[in-house]
Structures are given as structure tokens and as C-alpha cells.
Amino acid sequence: MASGRSTRASAAVERLKKRTGNPGYSMARTGDGAFFLSEAPGAPPLCAPLELDDFVAFVNGLGPQEVKRISKHDLAFEKQLVKKKPE
């Protein structure tokens, strides 16, 4: 299970690297399995050691956020889902 945890955390860090254009971000684990992030290997941590879900949420919240692309078909479908108010 530990490798799955690391994979999920490292995937979040890789997405952060792409969003920010900073390839230096580095993730590390403590002896008790918590994760922390730094801007470069050996640099001071940017957060206290966090559990997996909290770490992924922290990393996903950093840097510019990706804009969700919506097709015209998705937009039309969303409009159909909204009920019209009775007059």
C-alpha cells in the first residue's frame, strides 16, 4: 500500500511542477509515513508533515490552477439541467 500512497503524492507534485514550470519541487516522507514538500531537494519544507489526503490537497492548491475546458455540448447540457422557474 505504501507504493500506492507515494504514487498518488508524487503525481500531485508532478502536476504542480507542470502548472508552475518549476521542476525543482521535491517531496519527502517522514519515518511515520507523512509527506512534506520543498521547492528543491534539501530546501526548507513548505508545509508541516501531512497525511496523504492533506498533502495532496495542499499540493493541488498551490500555483496556478488549471482551467477546466468545457465544450459547447457540455454547456448546452448544463443549461438543460437547470429547471425553469414557474412564472
N, C-alpha and C. Protein backbone atom coordinates (compact mmCIF):
# COMPACT_ATOMS: atom_id res chain seq x y z
N MET A 1 0.82 -1.20 0.00
CA MET A 1 0.00 0.00 0.00
C MET A 1 0.86 1.26 0.00
N ALA A 2 2.05 1.18 0.55
CA ALA A 2 2.91 2.35 0.65
C ALA A 2 3.26 2.90 -0.73
N SER A 3 3.47 2.01 -1.71
CA SER A 3 3.83 2.50 -3.04
C SER A 3 2.67 3.24 -3.69
N GLY A 4 1.44 2.80 -3.44
CA GLY A 4 0.27 3.50 -3.97
C GLY A 4 0.14 4.88 -3.36
N ARG A 5 0.45 4.97 -2.07
CA ARG A 5 0.39 6.26 -1.39
C ARG A 5 1.43 7.19 -2.00
N SER A 6 2.64 6.69 -2.20
CA SER A 6 3.71 7.51 -2.76
C SER A 6 3.39 7.92 -4.19
N THR A 7 2.77 7.02 -4.95
CA THR A 7 2.44 7.31 -6.33
C THR A 7 1.43 8.45 -6.40
N ARG A 8 0.42 8.41 -5.56
CA ARG A 8 -0.60 9.45 -5.56
C ARG A 8 0.00 10.81 -5.17
N ALA A 9 0.86 10.80 -4.17
CA ALA A 9 1.51 12.04 -3.72
C ALA A 9 2.48 12.55 -4.79
N SER A 10 3.26 11.67 -5.38
CA SER A 10 4.23 12.12 -6.38
C SER A 10 3.52 12.61 -7.64
N ALA A 11 2.37 12.03 -7.98
CA ALA A 11 1.60 12.51 -9.13
C ALA A 11 1.12 13.94 -8.89
N ALA A 12 0.72 14.24 -7.65
CA ALA A 12 0.30 15.60 -7.32
C ALA A 12 1.48 16.57 -7.47
N VAL A 13 2.67 16.15 -7.06
CA VAL A 13 3.85 17.00 -7.18
C VAL A 13 4.20 17.20 -8.66
N GLU A 14 4.08 16.16 -9.47
CA GLU A 14 4.37 16.30 -10.90
C GLU A 14 3.40 17.27 -11.56
N ARG A 15 2.12 17.22 -11.18
CA ARG A 15 1.16 18.18 -11.73
C ARG A 15 1.53 19.60 -11.32
N LEU A 16 1.98 19.77 -10.07
CA LEU A 16 2.41 21.09 -9.59
C LEU A 16 3.60 21.59 -10.41
N LYS A 17 4.55 20.72 -10.69
CA LYS A 17 5.72 21.10 -11.50
C LYS A 17 5.29 21.60 -12.87
N LYS A 18 4.32 20.92 -13.49
CA LYS A 18 3.84 21.32 -14.82
C LYS A 18 3.11 22.66 -14.74
N ARG A 19 2.25 22.83 -13.73
CA ARG A 19 1.47 24.07 -13.61
C ARG A 19 2.35 25.28 -13.36
N THR A 20 3.41 25.11 -12.55
CA THR A 20 4.23 26.25 -12.16
C THR A 20 5.44 26.44 -13.07
N GLY A 21 5.85 25.40 -13.78
CA GLY A 21 7.06 25.47 -14.59
C GLY A 21 8.32 25.37 -13.75
N ASN A 22 8.17 24.98 -12.48
CA ASN A 22 9.31 24.83 -11.58
C ASN A 22 9.61 23.34 -11.39
N PRO A 23 10.64 22.83 -12.06
CA PRO A 23 10.95 21.40 -11.94
C PRO A 23 11.64 21.03 -10.63
N GLY A 24 11.91 22.01 -9.77
CA GLY A 24 12.67 21.74 -8.56
C GLY A 24 11.87 21.24 -7.38
N TYR A 25 10.54 21.29 -7.45
CA TYR A 25 9.74 20.84 -6.30
C TYR A 25 10.12 19.40 -5.94
N SER A 26 10.19 19.15 -4.64
CA SER A 26 10.61 17.84 -4.16
C SER A 26 9.71 17.40 -3.01
N MET A 27 9.34 16.14 -3.03
CA MET A 27 8.51 15.56 -1.98
C MET A 27 9.39 14.63 -1.14
N ALA A 28 9.12 14.60 0.16
CA ALA A 28 9.84 13.66 1.03
C ALA A 28 8.85 13.07 2.02
N ARG A 29 9.23 11.93 2.59
CA ARG A 29 8.39 11.25 3.59
C ARG A 29 9.14 11.18 4.90
N THR A 30 8.39 11.31 5.97
CA THR A 30 8.97 11.16 7.30
C THR A 30 8.96 9.68 7.68
N GLY A 31 9.58 9.36 8.78
CA GLY A 31 9.63 7.97 9.23
C GLY A 31 8.25 7.39 9.54
N ASP A 32 7.32 8.25 9.94
CA ASP A 32 5.98 7.76 10.27
C ASP A 32 5.02 7.79 9.06
N GLY A 33 5.54 8.07 7.86
CA GLY A 33 4.74 8.00 6.65
C GLY A 33 4.08 9.29 6.22
N ALA A 34 4.35 10.40 6.90
CA ALA A 34 3.78 11.68 6.49
C ALA A 34 4.61 12.26 5.35
N PHE A 35 4.02 13.16 4.59
CA PHE A 35 4.66 13.77 3.42
C PHE A 35 4.89 15.25 3.66
N PHE A 36 5.96 15.79 3.05
CA PHE A 36 6.14 17.24 3.03
C PHE A 36 6.77 17.64 1.72
N LEU A 37 6.61 18.92 1.37
CA LEU A 37 7.04 19.45 0.08
C LEU A 37 8.07 20.54 0.30
N SER A 38 9.06 20.58 -0.58
CA SER A 38 10.03 21.68 -0.57
C SER A 38 10.23 22.15 -2.01
N GLU A 39 10.79 23.36 -2.15
CA GLU A 39 10.98 23.91 -3.51
C GLU A 39 12.18 23.30 -4.22
N ALA A 40 13.04 22.64 -3.48
CA ALA A 40 14.20 21.95 -4.06
C ALA A 40 14.66 20.90 -3.05
N PRO A 41 15.31 19.84 -3.50
CA PRO A 41 15.81 18.85 -2.56
C PRO A 41 16.73 19.51 -1.53
N GLY A 42 16.46 19.25 -0.26
CA GLY A 42 17.28 19.81 0.81
C GLY A 42 16.86 21.20 1.25
N ALA A 43 15.92 21.83 0.53
CA ALA A 43 15.42 23.16 0.91
C ALA A 43 14.46 23.02 2.08
N PRO A 44 14.22 24.11 2.81
CA PRO A 44 13.27 24.04 3.93
C PRO A 44 11.88 23.60 3.44
N PRO A 45 11.17 22.83 4.24
CA PRO A 45 9.83 22.37 3.82
C PRO A 45 8.85 23.54 3.72
N LEU A 46 7.92 23.44 2.77
CA LEU A 46 6.88 24.45 2.57
C LEU A 46 5.66 24.18 3.44
N CYS A 47 5.61 23.02 4.09
CA CYS A 47 4.49 22.66 4.94
C CYS A 47 4.98 21.72 6.03
N ALA A 48 4.20 21.63 7.08
CA ALA A 48 4.48 20.63 8.11
C ALA A 48 4.21 19.26 7.52
N PRO A 49 4.77 18.19 8.07
CA PRO A 49 4.46 16.86 7.56
C PRO A 49 2.95 16.60 7.61
N LEU A 50 2.40 16.14 6.49
CA LEU A 50 0.96 15.95 6.35
C LEU A 50 0.63 14.51 5.98
N GLU A 51 -0.56 14.08 6.36
CA GLU A 51 -1.08 12.78 5.91
C GLU A 51 -1.35 12.88 4.41
N LEU A 52 -1.48 11.74 3.75
CA LEU A 52 -1.61 11.69 2.29
C LEU A 52 -2.69 12.61 1.74
N ASP A 53 -3.92 12.49 2.21
CA ASP A 53 -5.02 13.29 1.65
C ASP A 53 -4.77 14.78 1.85
N ASP A 54 -4.28 15.16 3.03
CA ASP A 54 -4.00 16.56 3.31
C ASP A 54 -2.84 17.06 2.44
N PHE A 55 -1.83 16.22 2.24
CA PHE A 55 -0.69 16.60 1.41
C PHE A 55 -1.13 16.84 -0.04
N VAL A 56 -1.92 15.92 -0.59
CA VAL A 56 -2.38 16.05 -1.97
C VAL A 56 -3.23 17.31 -2.11
N ALA A 57 -4.11 17.58 -1.14
CA ALA A 57 -4.94 18.79 -1.19
C ALA A 57 -4.06 20.04 -1.12
N PHE A 58 -3.03 20.03 -0.28
CA PHE A 58 -2.12 21.16 -0.16
C PHE A 58 -1.40 21.41 -1.48
N VAL A 59 -0.84 20.37 -2.06
CA VAL A 59 -0.09 20.50 -3.32
C VAL A 59 -1.02 20.94 -4.45
N ASN A 60 -2.23 20.38 -4.51
CA ASN A 60 -3.17 20.75 -5.56
C ASN A 60 -3.60 22.21 -5.45
N GLY A 61 -3.55 22.78 -4.26
CA GLY A 61 -3.94 24.17 -4.06
C GLY A 61 -2.85 25.17 -4.39
N LEU A 62 -1.62 24.71 -4.59
CA LEU A 62 -0.51 25.61 -4.89
C LEU A 62 -0.46 25.97 -6.37
N GLY A 63 0.11 27.12 -6.65
CA GLY A 63 0.36 27.52 -8.03
C GLY A 63 -0.90 27.83 -8.80
N PRO A 64 -0.73 28.16 -10.07
CA PRO A 64 -1.89 28.46 -10.90
C PRO A 64 -2.75 27.21 -11.08
N GLN A 65 -4.04 27.40 -11.10
CA GLN A 65 -4.96 26.27 -11.25
C GLN A 65 -5.30 26.07 -12.71
N GLU A 66 -5.46 24.82 -13.11
CA GLU A 66 -5.82 24.53 -14.49
C GLU A 66 -7.29 24.88 -14.71
N VAL A 67 -7.57 25.51 -15.83
CA VAL A 67 -8.94 25.87 -16.17
C VAL A 67 -9.60 24.67 -16.84
N LYS A 68 -10.74 24.30 -16.31
CA LYS A 68 -11.48 23.17 -16.89
C LYS A 68 -12.07 23.61 -18.22
N ARG A 69 -11.76 22.87 -19.26
CA ARG A 69 -12.29 23.19 -20.58
C ARG A 69 -13.68 22.60 -20.71
N ILE A 70 -14.62 23.41 -21.20
CA ILE A 70 -15.99 22.97 -21.37
C ILE A 70 -16.37 23.11 -22.84
N SER A 71 -16.86 22.03 -23.41
CA SER A 71 -17.26 22.08 -24.81
C SER A 71 -18.64 22.73 -24.92
N LYS A 72 -19.00 23.12 -26.12
CA LYS A 72 -20.31 23.73 -26.31
C LYS A 72 -21.42 22.72 -26.02
N HIS A 73 -21.15 21.44 -26.22
CA HIS A 73 -22.15 20.41 -25.93
C HIS A 73 -22.35 20.27 -24.42
N ASP A 74 -21.24 20.32 -23.66
CA ASP A 74 -21.34 20.27 -22.20
C ASP A 74 -22.13 21.47 -21.68
N LEU A 75 -21.86 22.63 -22.23
CA LEU A 75 -22.54 23.85 -21.80
C LEU A 75 -24.04 23.76 -22.08
N ALA A 76 -24.41 23.27 -23.26
CA ALA A 76 -25.82 23.11 -23.61
C ALA A 76 -26.49 22.10 -22.69
N PHE A 77 -25.80 21.03 -22.35
CA PHE A 77 -26.35 20.02 -21.46
C PHE A 77 -26.59 20.60 -20.06
N GLU A 78 -25.64 21.39 -19.57
CA GLU A 78 -25.80 22.01 -18.25
C GLU A 78 -26.99 22.96 -18.24
N LYS A 79 -27.22 23.68 -19.33
CA LYS A 79 -28.37 24.59 -19.41
C LYS A 79 -29.67 23.80 -19.36
N GLN A 80 -29.69 22.61 -19.96
CA GLN A 80 -30.90 21.78 -19.94
C GLN A 80 -31.19 21.25 -18.55
N LEU A 81 -30.16 21.08 -17.73
CA LEU A 81 -30.34 20.55 -16.39
C LEU A 81 -30.98 21.56 -15.44
N VAL A 82 -30.85 22.84 -15.76
CA VAL A 82 -31.42 23.88 -14.90
C VAL A 82 -32.92 23.97 -15.18
N LYS A 83 -33.70 23.81 -14.11
CA LYS A 83 -35.15 23.89 -14.28
C LYS A 83 -35.58 25.34 -14.39
N LYS A 84 -36.56 25.58 -15.25
CA LYS A 84 -37.08 26.92 -15.40
C LYS A 84 -38.00 27.22 -14.22
N LYS A 85 -37.93 28.47 -13.74
CA LYS A 85 -38.79 28.89 -12.64
C LYS A 85 -40.21 29.13 -13.18
N PRO A 86 -41.23 28.66 -12.43
CA PRO A 86 -42.61 28.93 -12.90
C PRO A 86 -42.92 30.43 -12.79
N GLU A 87 -43.67 30.89 -13.75
CA GLU A 87 -43.99 32.33 -13.78
C GLU A 87 -45.32 32.61 -13.14
